[in-house]
Amino acid sequence: MEEINQEFLFTKEELTLLYDASVSIYAMCDLDEMLKSILRKIKTVFRIEGASIALHDADRKEFYFIHTVEKKKNSDYMRMQRMRFPDHLGVAGWVLRENRPVVIQDASRDDRFFKGIDLQENFVTKSMICFPLRTRKGLIGVIYALNKLEGEFTARETRLLEILSGTIAISIENARLYGELKDHAGSLERENLRLKSQVQDSFNLQGIIGSSPAIRRVFALMDKVINTTTSVLIQGETGTGKELVARAIHYNSCLKEKPFVAENCGALSENLLESELFGHVKGAFTGAFTDRKGLFELAHGGTIFLDEIGEMPVAMQVKLLRVLQEGQIRRVGGSRYIRIDVRLIVSTNRDLEEEVRKGNFREDLFYRVCVFPITLPPLRKRREDIPLLAAHFLKKLTRKQKKPSARLTPRALNLLIQYNWPGNVRELQNEIERALTLVGKDREIRKKFLSEKINASLSPKISIPATDCTIKEVTQRIEQRMIVEAMEKTGGNRSKASRILGLTRQGLLNKITRYQIEL
């Protein structure tokens, strides 16, 4: 029997390392942590001071580090993560040209070693193995094993790193392809949304439903600011239509042919939000396989809408303030500043002045964004708009669901008017959609099709809510309520209802038309 070469029999520890590297091929979503784990194990198994991976950027003719595991402070580690060097320098440059690995037992005596990297890292390289990371597309980078703690690198360690390099290269390439597919899909989706959002007729002022004094005051403020490029702060409770107002301002302004780009500041972590707003360069972090524009660049010449700005982390507020002051952004991981020209519209459901007092929102940023404030009234303070809104949503949803037109009975409408709507217009739309689903083939939405919380709001008496309305407006509101209740009591019989109300039949019909009461 042929004798087995003991030098190339792997230990249990080495086999575990090989297994972990193999698993990384399928770990595209967690590749970052997987690579860190593999490099830490390489450091332990090889008994070395450090291990690194540097990828090759062929377009810029540079290498850049994506991971290092060394005895360094975190600040040094982060600095090395951003470090780049020309691809013709050092051992990596030699490996790229020769397309083969190298083992250097004494770096101080090897001309291929580039001391500039050590100077940038504050790290002394004494010995190393450097293997190319190859895929079918060619060399994508190199992996280093640095500074053997005792003795010299062995042939078995060289063979082990050779096997690992192939597996790691495939893992990185898989993640790169996965990332490119995600970026491409995301780019198509963003472009599709941008094109859809440019259908301007959907966001004219008539698209905001209402005729109450409260909403008319909002229209008056919008008219003042539309033909300017002034920054706007839209305040209001959740569901009052802040983004709808922002879009209406943009699509009725001189910027209507330019992009409108929106982002919810509370939906992303600080790091993701920075990348989303300002973009990133290739190699800025694991998974950043291509340069990517941020939303400020995409909105150049148009409007950027930052929803829920009150949720933005304080550290991110500092970066946003700098962008607004200087009119330029710098992509994450980049060094070049890019000029941007955008109109800023922000919104919040918080009291930003109170947030400033609590230290949750920067005072200087507050004065930057609060140039022209518009406060949207909650639905409970413009109840007279509920019949109009309900009719609008019914028409919109029946068309969407391809159902025959439906109507609210007077009693059902009366319930909607009395309810307080903590979720505002959005909650009303959801309630109408729910009722329309329950009604089936029936074309009348009656009390029984409304949710329990709506039915519980029924009050037997006409109440006059405390508002800032005039006597005339309160009188009109009472008239509407009395007409609805009379029609409900008589089952929709106009003649009987007019007698109850002390009106002529024609007088009742005139008021029904005037108040746009749907029966």
Protein backbone atom coordinates (compact mmCIF):
# COMPACT_ATOMS: atom_id res chain seq x y z
CA MET A 1 0.00 0.00 0.00
CA GLU A 2 1.25 3.44 -0.92
CA GLU A 3 2.36 5.43 2.09
CA ILE A 4 0.27 8.49 2.91
CA ASN A 5 2.16 11.80 3.14
CA GLN A 6 1.54 12.83 6.75
CA GLU A 7 2.50 16.42 5.97
CA PHE A 8 -0.75 16.95 4.09
CA LEU A 9 -3.12 15.25 6.56
CA PHE A 10 -5.29 18.00 8.08
CA THR A 11 -6.05 18.24 11.78
CA LYS A 12 -9.60 18.38 13.17
CA GLU A 13 -9.18 22.14 13.66
CA GLU A 14 -8.10 22.59 10.03
CA LEU A 15 -10.97 20.43 8.73
CA THR A 16 -13.45 22.56 10.72
CA LEU A 17 -11.99 25.65 9.06
CA LEU A 18 -12.40 24.07 5.61
CA TYR A 19 -15.99 23.14 6.40
CA ASP A 20 -16.85 26.68 7.55
CA ALA A 21 -15.33 28.09 4.37
CA SER A 22 -17.41 25.68 2.27
CA VAL A 23 -20.60 26.77 4.02
CA SER A 24 -19.82 30.41 3.17
CA ILE A 25 -20.55 29.69 -0.51
CA TYR A 26 -24.24 29.60 0.39
CA ALA A 27 -24.17 32.45 2.89
CA MET A 28 -24.65 35.41 0.56
CA CYS A 29 -26.86 37.30 3.03
CA ASP A 30 -24.46 36.77 5.96
CA LEU A 31 -21.18 36.81 4.03
CA ASP A 32 -19.80 39.72 6.05
CA GLU A 33 -19.94 37.85 9.37
CA MET A 34 -18.88 34.58 7.70
CA LEU A 35 -15.67 36.12 6.31
CA LYS A 36 -14.82 37.67 9.66
CA SER A 37 -15.29 34.28 11.30
CA ILE A 38 -13.10 32.49 8.71
CA LEU A 39 -10.28 35.04 9.04
CA ARG A 40 -10.36 34.74 12.83
CA LYS A 41 -10.09 30.95 12.51
CA ILE A 42 -7.26 31.25 9.97
CA LYS A 43 -5.44 33.39 12.50
CA THR A 44 -5.94 30.76 15.22
CA VAL A 45 -5.22 27.65 13.10
CA PHE A 46 -2.15 29.13 11.35
CA ARG A 47 -0.91 30.72 14.60
CA ILE A 48 -0.32 34.05 12.91
CA GLU A 49 -0.68 37.68 13.87
CA GLY A 50 -3.25 38.64 11.24
CA ALA A 51 -5.22 37.76 8.12
CA SER A 52 -6.66 40.04 5.43
CA ILE A 53 -8.69 40.03 2.22
CA ALA A 54 -8.19 42.72 -0.42
CA LEU A 55 -10.40 42.89 -3.53
CA HIS A 56 -9.29 44.19 -6.92
CA ASP A 57 -11.05 47.19 -8.48
CA ALA A 58 -10.10 46.79 -12.15
CA ASP A 59 -11.78 50.06 -13.17
CA ARG A 60 -9.69 52.14 -10.79
CA LYS A 61 -6.66 49.83 -10.92
CA GLU A 62 -6.61 49.56 -7.15
CA PHE A 63 -6.81 47.00 -4.37
CA TYR A 64 -9.05 47.72 -1.38
CA PHE A 65 -9.37 45.82 1.90
CA ILE A 66 -12.77 44.41 2.84
CA HIS A 67 -11.72 42.51 5.95
CA THR A 68 -8.78 42.33 8.32
CA VAL A 69 -8.28 40.41 11.56
CA GLU A 70 -5.30 41.74 13.47
CA LYS A 71 -4.28 42.89 16.92
CA LYS A 72 -5.36 46.46 16.31
CA LYS A 73 -7.59 49.06 17.88
CA ASN A 74 -11.02 49.45 16.31
CA SER A 75 -10.16 52.90 14.88
CA ASP A 76 -7.14 51.38 13.11
CA TYR A 77 -9.30 48.56 11.84
CA MET A 78 -11.84 50.99 10.42
CA ARG A 79 -9.04 52.99 8.77
CA MET A 80 -7.68 49.88 7.09
CA GLN A 81 -11.18 48.96 5.90
CA ARG A 82 -11.14 52.19 3.86
CA MET A 83 -7.54 51.84 2.65
CA ARG A 84 -6.78 51.50 -1.06
CA PHE A 85 -3.48 51.18 -2.93
CA PRO A 86 -2.48 51.01 -6.62
CA ASP A 87 -2.65 47.51 -8.10
CA HIS A 88 0.92 47.54 -9.42
CA LEU A 89 2.45 47.89 -5.94
CA GLY A 90 3.50 45.36 -3.35
CA VAL A 91 3.04 41.63 -3.11
CA ALA A 92 -0.59 41.88 -4.24
CA GLY A 93 0.56 43.67 -7.41
CA TRP A 94 3.10 40.89 -8.07
CA VAL A 95 0.45 38.18 -7.51
CA LEU A 96 -1.88 40.02 -9.91
CA ARG A 97 0.79 40.19 -12.64
CA GLU A 98 2.09 36.66 -12.17
CA ASN A 99 -1.27 35.14 -11.32
CA ARG A 100 0.32 32.82 -8.75
CA PRO A 101 0.79 32.72 -4.97
CA VAL A 102 3.85 33.67 -3.00
CA VAL A 103 5.30 32.69 0.38
CA ILE A 104 7.63 35.25 1.98
CA GLN A 105 9.41 34.15 5.15
CA ASP A 106 11.27 37.47 5.63
CA ALA A 107 9.46 40.53 4.25
CA SER A 108 12.34 42.88 5.11
CA ARG A 109 14.52 41.15 2.49
CA ASP A 110 11.94 40.86 -0.29
CA ASP A 111 11.78 43.61 -2.94
CA ARG A 112 8.19 42.76 -3.78
CA PHE A 113 6.97 43.96 -0.39
CA PHE A 114 5.48 47.49 -0.36
CA LYS A 115 6.26 49.21 2.95
CA GLY A 116 3.70 51.99 2.30
CA ILE A 117 0.88 49.74 3.44
CA ASP A 118 2.56 49.12 6.79
CA LEU A 119 3.05 52.87 7.23
CA GLN A 120 -0.67 53.49 6.64
CA GLU A 121 -1.66 50.62 8.92
CA ASN A 122 0.83 51.24 11.74
CA PHE A 123 1.56 47.51 11.39
CA VAL A 124 4.88 45.72 10.76
CA THR A 125 4.76 42.83 8.27
CA LYS A 126 7.46 40.23 8.93
CA SER A 127 6.30 37.22 6.91
CA MET A 128 3.33 36.28 4.77
CA ILE A 129 1.54 33.96 2.42
CA CYS A 130 -0.42 35.74 -0.32
CA PHE A 131 -2.81 33.74 -2.52
CA PRO A 132 -4.84 35.00 -5.47
CA LEU A 133 -8.63 34.77 -5.20
CA ARG A 134 -9.65 33.38 -8.59
CA THR A 135 -13.02 32.75 -10.21
CA ARG A 136 -14.05 31.97 -13.77
CA LYS A 137 -13.91 35.70 -14.46
CA GLY A 138 -10.29 35.93 -13.36
CA LEU A 139 -8.52 37.29 -10.30
CA ILE A 140 -10.88 39.21 -8.00
CA GLY A 141 -8.49 39.83 -5.11
CA VAL A 142 -5.97 38.31 -2.72
CA ILE A 143 -5.94 36.75 0.74
CA TYR A 144 -3.04 37.28 3.16
CA ALA A 145 -1.82 35.24 6.13
CA LEU A 146 0.53 37.58 8.04
CA ASN A 147 3.38 37.13 10.53
CA LYS A 148 3.90 33.57 11.71
CA LEU A 149 4.19 33.76 15.50
CA GLU A 150 6.62 30.81 15.76
CA GLY A 151 8.85 29.35 13.07
CA GLU A 152 8.08 29.62 9.36
CA PHE A 153 5.06 28.95 7.15
CA THR A 154 4.89 25.26 6.22
CA ALA A 155 3.94 23.54 2.96
CA ARG A 156 0.81 22.19 4.65
CA GLU A 157 -0.30 25.71 5.65
CA THR A 158 0.34 26.87 2.09
CA ARG A 159 -1.78 24.01 0.76
CA LEU A 160 -4.56 24.75 3.27
CA LEU A 161 -4.66 28.43 2.30
CA GLU A 162 -4.74 27.43 -1.38
CA ILE A 163 -7.89 25.36 -0.78
CA LEU A 164 -9.44 28.12 1.32
CA SER A 165 -8.69 30.78 -1.29
CA GLY A 166 -10.70 28.96 -3.94
CA THR A 167 -13.70 28.52 -1.67
CA ILE A 168 -13.59 32.12 -0.41
CA ALA A 169 -13.28 33.46 -3.97
CA ILE A 170 -16.45 31.60 -5.01
CA SER A 171 -18.29 32.90 -1.92
CA ILE A 172 -17.34 36.51 -2.67
CA GLU A 173 -18.21 36.14 -6.36
CA ASN A 174 -21.61 34.65 -5.48
CA ALA A 175 -22.31 37.52 -3.10
CA ARG A 176 -21.15 40.02 -5.72
CA LEU A 177 -23.50 38.57 -8.36
CA TYR A 178 -26.32 38.46 -5.80
CA GLY A 179 -25.65 42.09 -4.88
CA GLU A 180 -25.57 43.19 -8.51
CA LEU A 181 -28.91 41.46 -9.14
CA LYS A 182 -30.41 43.16 -6.09
CA ASP A 183 -29.01 46.56 -7.13
CA HIS A 184 -30.32 46.10 -10.66
CA ALA A 185 -33.76 45.08 -9.41
CA GLY A 186 -33.75 47.98 -6.97
CA SER A 187 -32.68 50.40 -9.70
CA LEU A 188 -35.51 49.22 -11.96
CA GLU A 189 -37.98 49.52 -9.12
CA ARG A 190 -36.83 53.06 -8.22
CA GLU A 191 -37.01 54.14 -11.87
CA ASN A 192 -40.49 52.65 -12.19
CA LEU A 193 -41.65 54.47 -9.06
CA ARG A 194 -40.12 57.72 -10.29
CA LEU A 195 -41.90 57.47 -13.64
CA LYS A 196 -45.20 56.65 -11.96
CA SER A 197 -44.80 59.54 -9.55
CA GLN A 198 -44.45 61.93 -12.48
CA VAL A 199 -48.08 61.44 -13.49
CA GLN A 200 -48.80 64.96 -12.37
CA ASP A 201 -52.57 64.96 -12.68
CA SER A 202 -52.80 62.59 -9.73
CA PHE A 203 -51.32 65.22 -7.45
CA ASN A 204 -52.98 68.49 -8.39
CA LEU A 205 -54.63 70.51 -5.64
CA GLN A 206 -57.99 69.00 -6.53
CA GLY A 207 -56.54 65.63 -5.51
CA ILE A 208 -56.69 66.77 -1.88
CA ILE A 209 -60.32 66.30 -0.91
CA GLY A 210 -62.12 68.78 1.33
CA SER A 211 -63.93 72.10 1.57
CA SER A 212 -63.88 72.74 5.32
CA PRO A 213 -62.38 75.97 6.68
CA ALA A 214 -59.48 73.98 8.17
CA ILE A 215 -58.45 72.43 4.84
CA ARG A 216 -59.05 75.70 2.97
CA ARG A 217 -56.42 77.32 5.20
CA VAL A 218 -53.99 74.57 4.13
CA PHE A 219 -54.81 75.29 0.46
CA ALA A 220 -54.11 78.99 1.02
CA LEU A 221 -50.65 78.24 2.47
CA MET A 222 -49.88 75.83 -0.37
CA ASP A 223 -50.80 78.47 -2.94
CA LYS A 224 -48.29 80.85 -1.34
CA VAL A 225 -45.35 78.43 -1.39
CA ILE A 226 -45.97 76.44 -4.60
CA ASN A 227 -44.22 78.82 -6.98
CA THR A 228 -41.11 79.14 -4.83
CA THR A 229 -38.26 76.76 -3.96
CA THR A 230 -38.60 77.48 -0.22
CA SER A 231 -38.07 74.56 2.17
CA VAL A 232 -41.37 73.33 3.64
CA LEU A 233 -42.10 71.58 6.94
CA ILE A 234 -45.41 69.65 6.90
CA GLN A 235 -46.69 68.79 10.36
CA GLY A 236 -49.63 66.60 11.24
CA GLU A 237 -50.81 63.41 12.87
CA THR A 238 -50.27 60.04 11.21
CA GLY A 239 -52.64 59.54 8.28
CA THR A 240 -53.45 63.20 7.60
CA GLY A 241 -51.91 63.13 4.12
CA LYS A 242 -48.49 64.76 4.56
CA GLU A 243 -46.89 63.04 1.56
CA LEU A 244 -49.93 63.86 -0.61
CA VAL A 245 -49.45 67.56 0.23
CA ALA A 246 -45.71 67.32 -0.50
CA ARG A 247 -46.40 65.78 -3.93
CA ALA A 248 -49.09 68.37 -4.67
CA ILE A 249 -46.62 71.18 -3.90
CA HIS A 250 -43.98 69.64 -6.18
CA TYR A 251 -46.25 68.78 -9.12
CA ASN A 252 -47.85 72.23 -9.17
CA SER A 253 -44.53 74.09 -8.93
CA CYS A 254 -41.91 75.16 -11.45
CA LEU A 255 -40.06 71.92 -10.61
CA LYS A 256 -42.89 69.65 -11.78
CA GLU A 257 -40.83 68.29 -14.72
CA LYS A 258 -37.98 67.38 -12.36
CA PRO A 259 -37.69 64.33 -10.06
CA PHE A 260 -39.67 63.93 -6.85
CA VAL A 261 -37.86 61.50 -4.52
CA ALA A 262 -39.22 60.39 -1.12
CA GLU A 263 -37.69 58.54 1.83
CA ASN A 264 -39.03 57.60 5.26
CA CYS A 265 -36.32 58.52 7.77
CA GLY A 266 -37.74 56.22 10.43
CA ALA A 267 -37.69 53.10 8.29
CA LEU A 268 -33.90 52.63 8.06
CA SER A 269 -30.96 52.38 10.49
CA GLU A 270 -28.44 55.23 10.58
CA ASN A 271 -25.89 53.47 8.34
CA LEU A 272 -28.47 52.37 5.76
CA LEU A 273 -30.09 55.81 5.77
CA GLU A 274 -26.74 57.51 5.09
CA SER A 275 -26.06 55.19 2.15
CA GLU A 276 -29.63 55.62 0.86
CA LEU A 277 -29.52 59.44 1.01
CA PHE A 278 -25.92 60.09 -0.06
CA GLY A 279 -24.99 56.93 -2.01
CA HIS A 280 -21.81 54.88 -1.72
CA VAL A 281 -18.71 53.99 -3.71
CA LYS A 282 -17.64 50.54 -4.71
CA GLY A 283 -15.91 48.80 -1.79
CA ALA A 284 -17.26 51.20 0.84
CA PHE A 285 -18.53 48.19 2.80
CA THR A 286 -19.15 44.50 2.28
CA GLY A 287 -21.74 44.13 -0.45
CA ALA A 288 -20.94 47.50 -2.07
CA PHE A 289 -19.89 45.96 -5.37
CA THR A 290 -20.76 48.98 -7.52
CA ASP A 291 -20.94 52.75 -7.13
CA ARG A 292 -24.48 53.84 -6.33
CA LYS A 293 -26.13 57.24 -6.40
CA GLY A 294 -28.04 58.38 -3.32
CA LEU A 295 -31.47 59.97 -3.28
CA PHE A 296 -30.04 63.51 -3.09
CA GLU A 297 -28.24 62.92 -6.40
CA LEU A 298 -31.34 61.32 -7.95
CA ALA A 299 -33.40 64.34 -6.86
CA HIS A 300 -30.92 66.88 -8.30
CA GLY A 301 -32.85 69.78 -9.83
CA GLY A 302 -36.10 68.59 -8.24
CA THR A 303 -37.57 67.87 -4.80
CA ILE A 304 -36.50 65.51 -2.05
CA PHE A 305 -39.16 64.65 0.54
CA LEU A 306 -37.91 63.36 3.90
CA ASP A 307 -40.86 61.81 5.70
CA GLU A 308 -40.82 61.50 9.52
CA ILE A 309 -37.64 63.57 9.89
CA GLY A 310 -38.25 63.59 13.65
CA GLU A 311 -37.21 59.91 13.71
CA MET A 312 -33.76 60.63 12.23
CA PRO A 313 -30.84 59.72 14.57
CA VAL A 314 -28.97 62.75 15.96
CA ALA A 315 -25.66 61.69 14.32
CA MET A 316 -27.42 61.58 10.95
CA GLN A 317 -28.96 65.00 11.62
CA VAL A 318 -25.42 66.44 11.76
CA LYS A 319 -24.61 65.01 8.31
CA LEU A 320 -27.89 66.26 6.83
CA LEU A 321 -27.29 69.74 8.24
CA ARG A 322 -23.86 69.85 6.59
CA VAL A 323 -25.37 68.88 3.24
CA LEU A 324 -28.04 71.58 3.52
CA GLN A 325 -25.47 74.21 4.51
CA GLU A 326 -22.88 73.36 1.85
CA GLY A 327 -25.12 72.19 -0.98
CA GLN A 328 -22.93 69.14 -1.64
CA ILE A 329 -22.78 65.49 -0.63
CA ARG A 330 -20.03 62.90 -0.31
CA ARG A 331 -20.88 59.28 -0.96
CA VAL A 332 -20.17 56.76 1.81
CA GLY A 333 -16.58 55.58 1.40
CA GLY A 334 -15.82 58.30 -1.16
CA SER A 335 -13.57 61.35 -1.05
CA ARG A 336 -15.10 63.46 -3.83
CA TYR A 337 -17.77 66.07 -3.09
CA ILE A 338 -20.75 66.29 -5.46
CA ARG A 339 -22.81 69.48 -5.86
CA ILE A 340 -26.55 69.04 -5.45
CA ASP A 341 -29.45 71.44 -5.99
CA VAL A 342 -32.73 70.23 -4.48
CA ARG A 343 -35.86 71.62 -2.91
CA LEU A 344 -36.34 70.18 0.56
CA ILE A 345 -39.76 69.19 1.92
CA VAL A 346 -39.87 67.37 5.25
CA SER A 347 -42.69 66.04 7.39
CA THR A 348 -43.18 64.88 10.95
CA ASN A 349 -45.94 63.75 13.30
CA ARG A 350 -43.90 65.00 16.26
CA ASP A 351 -43.72 68.44 17.87
CA LEU A 352 -40.20 69.31 16.67
CA GLU A 353 -39.88 72.30 19.01
CA GLU A 354 -40.55 69.98 21.94
CA GLU A 355 -38.04 67.48 20.50
CA VAL A 356 -35.46 70.29 20.36
CA ARG A 357 -36.10 71.07 24.05
CA LYS A 358 -35.66 67.38 24.91
CA GLY A 359 -32.38 67.22 22.97
CA ASN A 360 -33.74 64.71 20.44
CA PHE A 361 -33.59 67.10 17.48
CA ARG A 362 -30.85 69.60 16.67
CA GLU A 363 -31.90 73.22 17.03
CA ASP A 364 -29.80 74.38 14.05
CA LEU A 365 -31.37 71.74 11.80
CA PHE A 366 -34.83 72.70 13.05
CA TYR A 367 -34.35 76.28 11.84
CA ARG A 368 -33.03 74.94 8.51
CA VAL A 369 -36.13 72.85 7.79
CA CYS A 370 -38.80 74.99 9.47
CA VAL A 371 -38.77 77.81 6.92
CA PHE A 372 -42.40 77.52 5.83
CA PRO A 373 -44.48 75.31 8.17
CA ILE A 374 -47.84 73.84 7.12
CA THR A 375 -49.91 72.06 9.77
CA LEU A 376 -52.51 69.57 8.55
CA PRO A 377 -55.69 69.32 10.64
CA PRO A 378 -56.77 65.92 11.98
CA LEU A 379 -59.95 64.51 10.45
CA ARG A 380 -61.91 65.02 13.70
CA LYS A 381 -61.44 68.78 13.23
CA ARG A 382 -62.91 68.77 9.72
CA ARG A 383 -65.81 66.35 10.03
CA GLU A 384 -67.75 68.17 7.30
CA ASP A 385 -65.19 66.75 4.82
CA ILE A 386 -66.02 63.13 5.73
CA PRO A 387 -68.94 62.74 3.26
CA LEU A 388 -66.72 64.05 0.43
CA LEU A 389 -63.82 61.81 1.39
CA ALA A 390 -66.05 58.75 1.80
CA ALA A 391 -67.58 59.31 -1.65
CA HIS A 392 -64.12 59.75 -3.16
CA PHE A 393 -62.81 56.52 -1.64
CA LEU A 394 -65.92 54.59 -2.67
CA LYS A 395 -65.50 55.69 -6.27
CA LYS A 396 -61.77 54.96 -6.26
CA LEU A 397 -62.07 51.52 -4.62
CA THR A 398 -65.04 50.27 -6.68
CA ARG A 399 -63.06 51.10 -9.80
CA LYS A 400 -59.96 49.36 -8.43
CA GLN A 401 -61.89 46.24 -7.38
CA LYS A 402 -64.00 46.30 -10.57
CA LYS A 403 -67.23 46.35 -8.59
CA PRO A 404 -70.50 48.16 -9.37
CA SER A 405 -70.83 51.55 -7.74
CA ALA A 406 -71.92 51.46 -4.09
CA ARG A 407 -73.36 54.03 -1.68
CA LEU A 408 -73.41 54.65 2.05
CA THR A 409 -76.81 54.73 3.73
CA PRO A 410 -77.56 57.93 5.71
CA ARG A 411 -77.23 56.01 8.98
CA ALA A 412 -73.82 54.59 8.00
CA LEU A 413 -72.61 58.02 6.91
CA ASN A 414 -73.80 59.51 10.18
CA LEU A 415 -71.69 56.96 12.07
CA LEU A 416 -68.62 57.86 10.03
CA ILE A 417 -69.15 61.55 10.77
CA GLN A 418 -69.44 60.97 14.53
CA TYR A 419 -66.34 58.76 14.87
CA ASN A 420 -63.13 60.48 16.04
CA TRP A 421 -60.69 58.87 13.51
CA PRO A 422 -57.39 58.60 15.45
CA GLY A 423 -55.82 57.25 12.23
CA ASN A 424 -57.30 60.16 10.25
CA VAL A 425 -57.88 59.98 6.48
CA ARG A 426 -55.88 56.77 6.10
CA GLU A 427 -58.09 55.05 8.69
CA LEU A 428 -61.21 56.28 6.89
CA GLN A 429 -59.95 54.86 3.60
CA ASN A 430 -59.25 51.51 5.28
CA GLU A 431 -62.73 51.48 6.82
CA ILE A 432 -64.37 52.15 3.45
CA GLU A 433 -62.30 49.40 1.82
CA ARG A 434 -63.24 46.94 4.57
CA ALA A 435 -66.95 47.78 4.27
CA LEU A 436 -66.84 47.49 0.49
CA THR A 437 -65.29 44.04 0.83
CA LEU A 438 -67.99 42.91 3.28
CA VAL A 439 -70.90 44.30 1.29
CA GLY A 440 -70.37 41.77 -1.50
CA LYS A 441 -72.93 42.15 -4.28
CA ASP A 442 -75.09 44.46 -2.17
CA ARG A 443 -74.75 48.05 -3.47
CA GLU A 444 -75.63 49.70 -0.15
CA ILE A 445 -73.13 49.99 2.69
CA ARG A 446 -75.27 49.84 5.81
CA LYS A 447 -74.48 50.14 9.50
CA LYS A 448 -73.86 46.41 9.88
CA PHE A 449 -70.97 46.51 7.40
CA LEU A 450 -69.03 49.07 9.48
CA SER A 451 -66.56 47.91 12.12
CA GLU A 452 -67.50 47.61 15.78
CA LYS A 453 -65.49 50.67 16.82
CA ILE A 454 -67.47 52.82 14.35
CA ASN A 455 -70.83 51.51 15.55
CA ALA A 456 -69.84 52.17 19.16
CA SER A 457 -69.44 55.88 18.37
CA LEU A 458 -73.18 56.44 17.72
CA SER A 459 -74.59 59.25 19.87
CA PRO A 460 -78.37 59.76 20.20
CA LYS A 461 -78.02 63.55 20.44
CA ILE A 462 -76.68 66.18 18.07
CA SER A 463 -73.50 67.55 19.59
CA ILE A 464 -71.63 70.68 18.69
CA PRO A 465 -67.89 69.94 18.87
CA ALA A 466 -65.61 72.65 20.26
CA THR A 467 -64.04 74.15 17.13
CA ASP A 468 -62.99 77.52 15.84
CA CYS A 469 -65.88 77.53 13.32
CA THR A 470 -68.20 80.50 12.87
CA ILE A 471 -71.88 80.38 13.87
CA LYS A 472 -72.80 80.00 10.20
CA GLU A 473 -70.47 77.00 9.80
CA VAL A 474 -71.78 75.32 12.98
CA THR A 475 -75.36 75.93 11.81
CA GLN A 476 -74.57 74.32 8.47
CA ARG A 477 -73.07 71.31 10.25
CA ILE A 478 -76.19 70.90 12.41
CA GLU A 479 -78.40 71.17 9.32
CA GLN A 480 -76.43 68.42 7.61
CA ARG A 481 -76.76 66.17 10.66
CA MET A 482 -80.50 66.81 11.03
CA ILE A 483 -81.11 66.06 7.35
CA VAL A 484 -79.14 62.81 7.56
CA GLU A 485 -81.04 61.73 10.71
CA ALA A 486 -84.44 62.63 9.23
CA MET A 487 -83.70 60.72 6.04
CA GLU A 488 -82.52 57.77 8.10
CA LYS A 489 -85.65 57.83 10.27
CA THR A 490 -87.96 57.88 7.24
CA GLY A 491 -86.04 55.26 5.29
CA GLY A 492 -85.03 57.80 2.65
CA ASN A 493 -88.54 59.19 2.03
CA ARG A 494 -87.94 62.82 1.09
CA SER A 495 -91.54 63.96 1.56
CA LYS A 496 -91.77 62.58 5.12
CA ALA A 497 -88.29 63.92 5.97
CA SER A 498 -89.18 67.41 4.73
CA ARG A 499 -92.31 67.43 6.97
CA ILE A 500 -90.24 66.38 10.02
CA LEU A 501 -87.73 69.17 9.30
CA GLY A 502 -90.39 71.79 8.56
CA LEU A 503 -89.20 72.27 5.00
CA THR A 504 -90.82 72.03 1.62
CA ARG A 505 -89.82 68.98 -0.38
CA GLN A 506 -87.94 71.23 -2.84
CA GLY A 507 -86.26 73.05 0.04
CA LEU A 508 -84.99 69.72 1.37
CA LEU A 509 -83.73 68.71 -2.09
CA ASN A 510 -81.89 72.03 -2.41
CA LYS A 511 -80.11 71.48 0.92
CA ILE A 512 -79.22 67.87 0.03
CA THR A 513 -77.61 69.18 -3.18
CA ARG A 514 -75.91 72.08 -1.41
CA TYR A 515 -74.32 69.88 1.24
CA GLN A 516 -73.57 67.08 -1.26
CA ILE A 517 -75.30 64.52 0.96
CA GLU A 518 -75.32 61.09 -0.63
CA LEU A 519 -78.45 59.06 0.16
